[in-house]
């Protein structure tokens, strides 16, 4: 069994839920009340995505960068 190391992005929404995404799959998102719950949930979604997508067809994750944008009031 091949093990994959996948990037996960974690955010907190306005209601305090943890939103998790795996950017190498299109539409691969989940959430949870805790980070641990969110990670368990995204793992289930990733497993479903892997059933439909070959490893060779995955998007390539390049990295994460922060971009500064001016906010106008």
N, C-alpha and C. Protein backbone atom coordinates (compact mmCIF):
# COMPACT_ATOMS: atom_id res chain seq x y z
N UNK A 1 0.84 -1.18 0.00
CA UNK A 1 0.00 0.00 0.00
C UNK A 1 0.89 1.24 0.00
N UNK A 2 0.64 2.11 -0.96
CA UNK A 2 1.39 3.36 -1.07
C UNK A 2 0.78 4.40 -0.15
N UNK A 3 1.62 5.12 0.57
CA UNK A 3 1.13 6.19 1.44
C UNK A 3 1.34 7.53 0.75
N UNK A 4 0.33 8.36 0.82
CA UNK A 4 0.40 9.69 0.24
C UNK A 4 0.53 10.72 1.35
N UNK A 5 1.30 11.75 1.11
CA UNK A 5 1.40 12.88 2.03
C UNK A 5 0.70 14.05 1.33
N UNK A 6 -0.45 14.43 1.88
CA UNK A 6 -1.31 15.40 1.22
C UNK A 6 -1.36 16.72 1.99
N UNK A 7 -1.37 17.83 1.27
CA UNK A 7 -1.50 19.13 1.93
C UNK A 7 -2.94 19.34 2.39
N UNK A 8 -3.10 19.91 3.56
CA UNK A 8 -4.41 20.22 4.12
C UNK A 8 -4.40 21.68 4.55
N UNK A 9 -5.42 22.40 4.20
CA UNK A 9 -5.58 23.79 4.61
C UNK A 9 -6.68 23.83 5.66
N UNK A 10 -6.42 24.52 6.78
CA UNK A 10 -7.39 24.61 7.87
C UNK A 10 -7.73 26.08 8.10
N UNK A 11 -9.03 26.36 8.16
CA UNK A 11 -9.51 27.72 8.41
C UNK A 11 -10.60 27.65 9.49
N UNK A 12 -10.92 28.77 10.08
CA UNK A 12 -12.04 28.85 11.02
C UNK A 12 -13.08 29.78 10.39
N UNK A 13 -14.35 29.31 10.33
CA UNK A 13 -15.39 30.15 9.74
C UNK A 13 -16.01 31.07 10.80
N UNK A 14 -16.99 31.86 10.38
CA UNK A 14 -17.59 32.86 11.27
C UNK A 14 -18.36 32.24 12.43
N UNK A 15 -18.69 30.96 12.33
CA UNK A 15 -19.40 30.27 13.42
C UNK A 15 -18.48 29.47 14.32
N UNK A 16 -17.16 29.54 14.06
CA UNK A 16 -16.18 28.85 14.89
C UNK A 16 -15.90 27.41 14.47
N UNK A 17 -16.44 26.98 13.32
CA UNK A 17 -16.16 25.64 12.81
C UNK A 17 -14.83 25.65 12.07
N UNK A 18 -14.13 24.52 12.13
CA UNK A 18 -12.88 24.36 11.39
C UNK A 18 -13.22 23.81 10.00
N UNK A 19 -12.83 24.55 8.99
CA UNK A 19 -13.05 24.16 7.60
C UNK A 19 -11.72 23.64 7.08
N UNK A 20 -11.74 22.42 6.54
CA UNK A 20 -10.50 21.81 6.02
C UNK A 20 -10.67 21.51 4.54
N UNK A 21 -9.58 21.69 3.81
CA UNK A 21 -9.58 21.45 2.37
C UNK A 21 -8.30 20.74 1.98
N UNK A 22 -8.39 19.91 0.96
CA UNK A 22 -7.21 19.28 0.38
C UNK A 22 -7.13 19.78 -1.06
N UNK A 23 -6.21 20.71 -1.35
CA UNK A 23 -6.21 21.40 -2.65
C UNK A 23 -5.81 20.55 -3.85
N UNK A 24 -5.33 19.33 -3.63
CA UNK A 24 -4.99 18.53 -4.82
C UNK A 24 -6.20 17.86 -5.43
N UNK A 25 -7.33 17.89 -4.72
CA UNK A 25 -8.59 17.37 -5.25
C UNK A 25 -9.56 18.52 -5.44
N UNK A 26 -10.28 18.53 -6.53
CA UNK A 26 -11.31 19.55 -6.75
C UNK A 26 -12.48 19.26 -5.82
N UNK A 27 -12.94 20.27 -5.10
CA UNK A 27 -14.11 20.13 -4.25
C UNK A 27 -13.91 19.28 -3.01
N UNK A 28 -12.68 19.12 -2.57
CA UNK A 28 -12.39 18.27 -1.40
C UNK A 28 -12.35 19.13 -0.14
N UNK A 29 -13.51 19.24 0.52
CA UNK A 29 -13.65 20.08 1.70
C UNK A 29 -14.47 19.33 2.75
N UNK A 30 -14.26 19.69 4.00
CA UNK A 30 -15.09 19.17 5.08
C UNK A 30 -14.98 20.16 6.24
N UNK A 31 -15.56 19.79 7.39
CA UNK A 31 -15.52 20.68 8.54
C UNK A 31 -15.70 19.86 9.81
N UNK A 32 -15.48 20.53 10.94
CA UNK A 32 -15.71 19.90 12.24
C UNK A 32 -15.71 20.94 13.33
N UNK A 33 -16.23 20.56 14.49
CA UNK A 33 -16.25 21.48 15.62
C UNK A 33 -14.86 21.63 16.25
N UNK A 34 -14.00 20.62 16.05
CA UNK A 34 -12.61 20.68 16.51
C UNK A 34 -11.70 20.37 15.32
N UNK A 35 -10.42 20.68 15.45
CA UNK A 35 -9.48 20.35 14.38
C UNK A 35 -9.42 18.84 14.18
N UNK A 36 -9.38 18.08 15.28
CA UNK A 36 -9.33 16.62 15.16
C UNK A 36 -10.54 16.07 14.43
N UNK A 37 -11.73 16.57 14.76
CA UNK A 37 -12.94 16.12 14.07
C UNK A 37 -12.88 16.48 12.59
N UNK A 38 -12.42 17.68 12.29
CA UNK A 38 -12.33 18.12 10.90
C UNK A 38 -11.34 17.25 10.12
N UNK A 39 -10.23 16.87 10.75
CA UNK A 39 -9.25 16.03 10.06
C UNK A 39 -9.77 14.62 9.81
N UNK A 40 -10.52 14.08 10.75
CA UNK A 40 -11.15 12.77 10.53
C UNK A 40 -12.13 12.87 9.36
N UNK A 41 -12.90 13.93 9.34
CA UNK A 41 -13.89 14.12 8.27
C UNK A 41 -13.24 14.29 6.91
N UNK A 42 -12.15 15.07 6.83
CA UNK A 42 -11.50 15.28 5.53
C UNK A 42 -10.84 13.99 5.06
N UNK A 43 -10.38 13.17 5.99
CA UNK A 43 -9.78 11.89 5.58
C UNK A 43 -10.83 11.02 4.88
N UNK A 44 -12.06 11.03 5.39
CA UNK A 44 -13.13 10.27 4.74
C UNK A 44 -13.42 10.81 3.34
N UNK A 45 -13.42 12.13 3.20
CA UNK A 45 -13.66 12.74 1.89
C UNK A 45 -12.51 12.41 0.93
N UNK A 46 -11.28 12.45 1.42
CA UNK A 46 -10.12 12.12 0.59
C UNK A 46 -10.21 10.67 0.11
N UNK A 47 -10.62 9.77 0.99
CA UNK A 47 -10.76 8.37 0.59
C UNK A 47 -11.78 8.22 -0.53
N UNK A 48 -12.88 8.98 -0.47
CA UNK A 48 -13.87 8.95 -1.54
C UNK A 48 -13.28 9.52 -2.83
N UNK A 49 -12.51 10.60 -2.71
CA UNK A 49 -11.88 11.21 -3.89
C UNK A 49 -10.90 10.24 -4.54
N UNK A 50 -10.16 9.50 -3.72
CA UNK A 50 -9.18 8.55 -4.26
C UNK A 50 -9.85 7.39 -4.99
N UNK A 51 -11.09 7.08 -4.63
CA UNK A 51 -11.82 6.02 -5.34
C UNK A 51 -12.14 6.45 -6.76
N UNK A 52 -12.26 7.76 -6.99
CA UNK A 52 -12.65 8.28 -8.30
C UNK A 52 -11.50 8.87 -9.10
N UNK A 53 -10.35 9.08 -8.47
CA UNK A 53 -9.24 9.76 -9.12
C UNK A 53 -7.97 8.93 -9.00
N UNK A 54 -7.29 8.74 -10.12
CA UNK A 54 -6.01 8.05 -10.11
C UNK A 54 -4.94 8.99 -9.56
N UNK A 55 -3.97 8.43 -8.86
CA UNK A 55 -2.90 9.23 -8.27
C UNK A 55 -2.19 10.06 -9.35
N UNK A 56 -2.06 9.50 -10.54
CA UNK A 56 -1.38 10.21 -11.64
C UNK A 56 -2.16 11.44 -12.11
N UNK A 57 -3.45 11.50 -11.81
CA UNK A 57 -4.31 12.60 -12.27
C UNK A 57 -4.46 13.72 -11.24
N UNK A 58 -3.81 13.59 -10.10
CA UNK A 58 -3.97 14.58 -9.03
C UNK A 58 -3.36 15.92 -9.42
N UNK A 59 -3.96 17.00 -8.92
CA UNK A 59 -3.36 18.32 -9.07
C UNK A 59 -2.04 18.33 -8.34
N UNK A 60 -1.12 19.17 -8.75
CA UNK A 60 0.16 19.30 -8.07
C UNK A 60 0.10 20.48 -7.13
N UNK A 61 0.30 20.22 -5.84
CA UNK A 61 0.31 21.30 -4.86
C UNK A 61 1.68 21.96 -4.89
N UNK A 62 1.70 23.26 -5.14
CA UNK A 62 2.95 24.00 -5.26
C UNK A 62 3.36 24.61 -3.94
N UNK A 63 2.42 25.13 -3.20
CA UNK A 63 2.76 25.73 -1.92
C UNK A 63 1.72 26.75 -1.51
N UNK A 64 1.97 27.35 -0.38
CA UNK A 64 1.07 28.34 0.18
C UNK A 64 1.82 29.65 0.29
N UNK A 65 1.18 30.72 -0.11
CA UNK A 65 1.78 32.05 0.02
C UNK A 65 0.73 32.99 0.54
N UNK A 66 1.19 34.01 1.20
CA UNK A 66 0.29 35.06 1.69
C UNK A 66 0.42 36.25 0.77
N UNK A 67 -0.70 36.85 0.41
CA UNK A 67 -0.71 38.00 -0.47
C UNK A 67 -1.31 39.19 0.26
N UNK A 68 -0.62 40.31 0.25
CA UNK A 68 -1.10 41.52 0.89
C UNK A 68 -1.97 42.29 -0.09
N UNK A 69 -3.18 42.65 0.34
CA UNK A 69 -4.13 43.38 -0.50
C UNK A 69 -4.65 44.56 0.30
N UNK A 70 -4.71 45.72 -0.31
CA UNK A 70 -5.24 46.90 0.37
C UNK A 70 -6.76 46.79 0.47
N UNK A 71 -7.26 47.14 1.63
CA UNK A 71 -8.72 47.12 1.85
C UNK A 71 -9.20 48.56 1.86
N UNK A 72 -10.15 48.84 0.98
CA UNK A 72 -10.70 50.18 0.89
C UNK A 72 -12.04 50.24 1.60
N UNK A 73 -12.23 51.24 2.42
CA UNK A 73 -13.49 51.37 3.17
C UNK A 73 -14.52 52.14 2.41
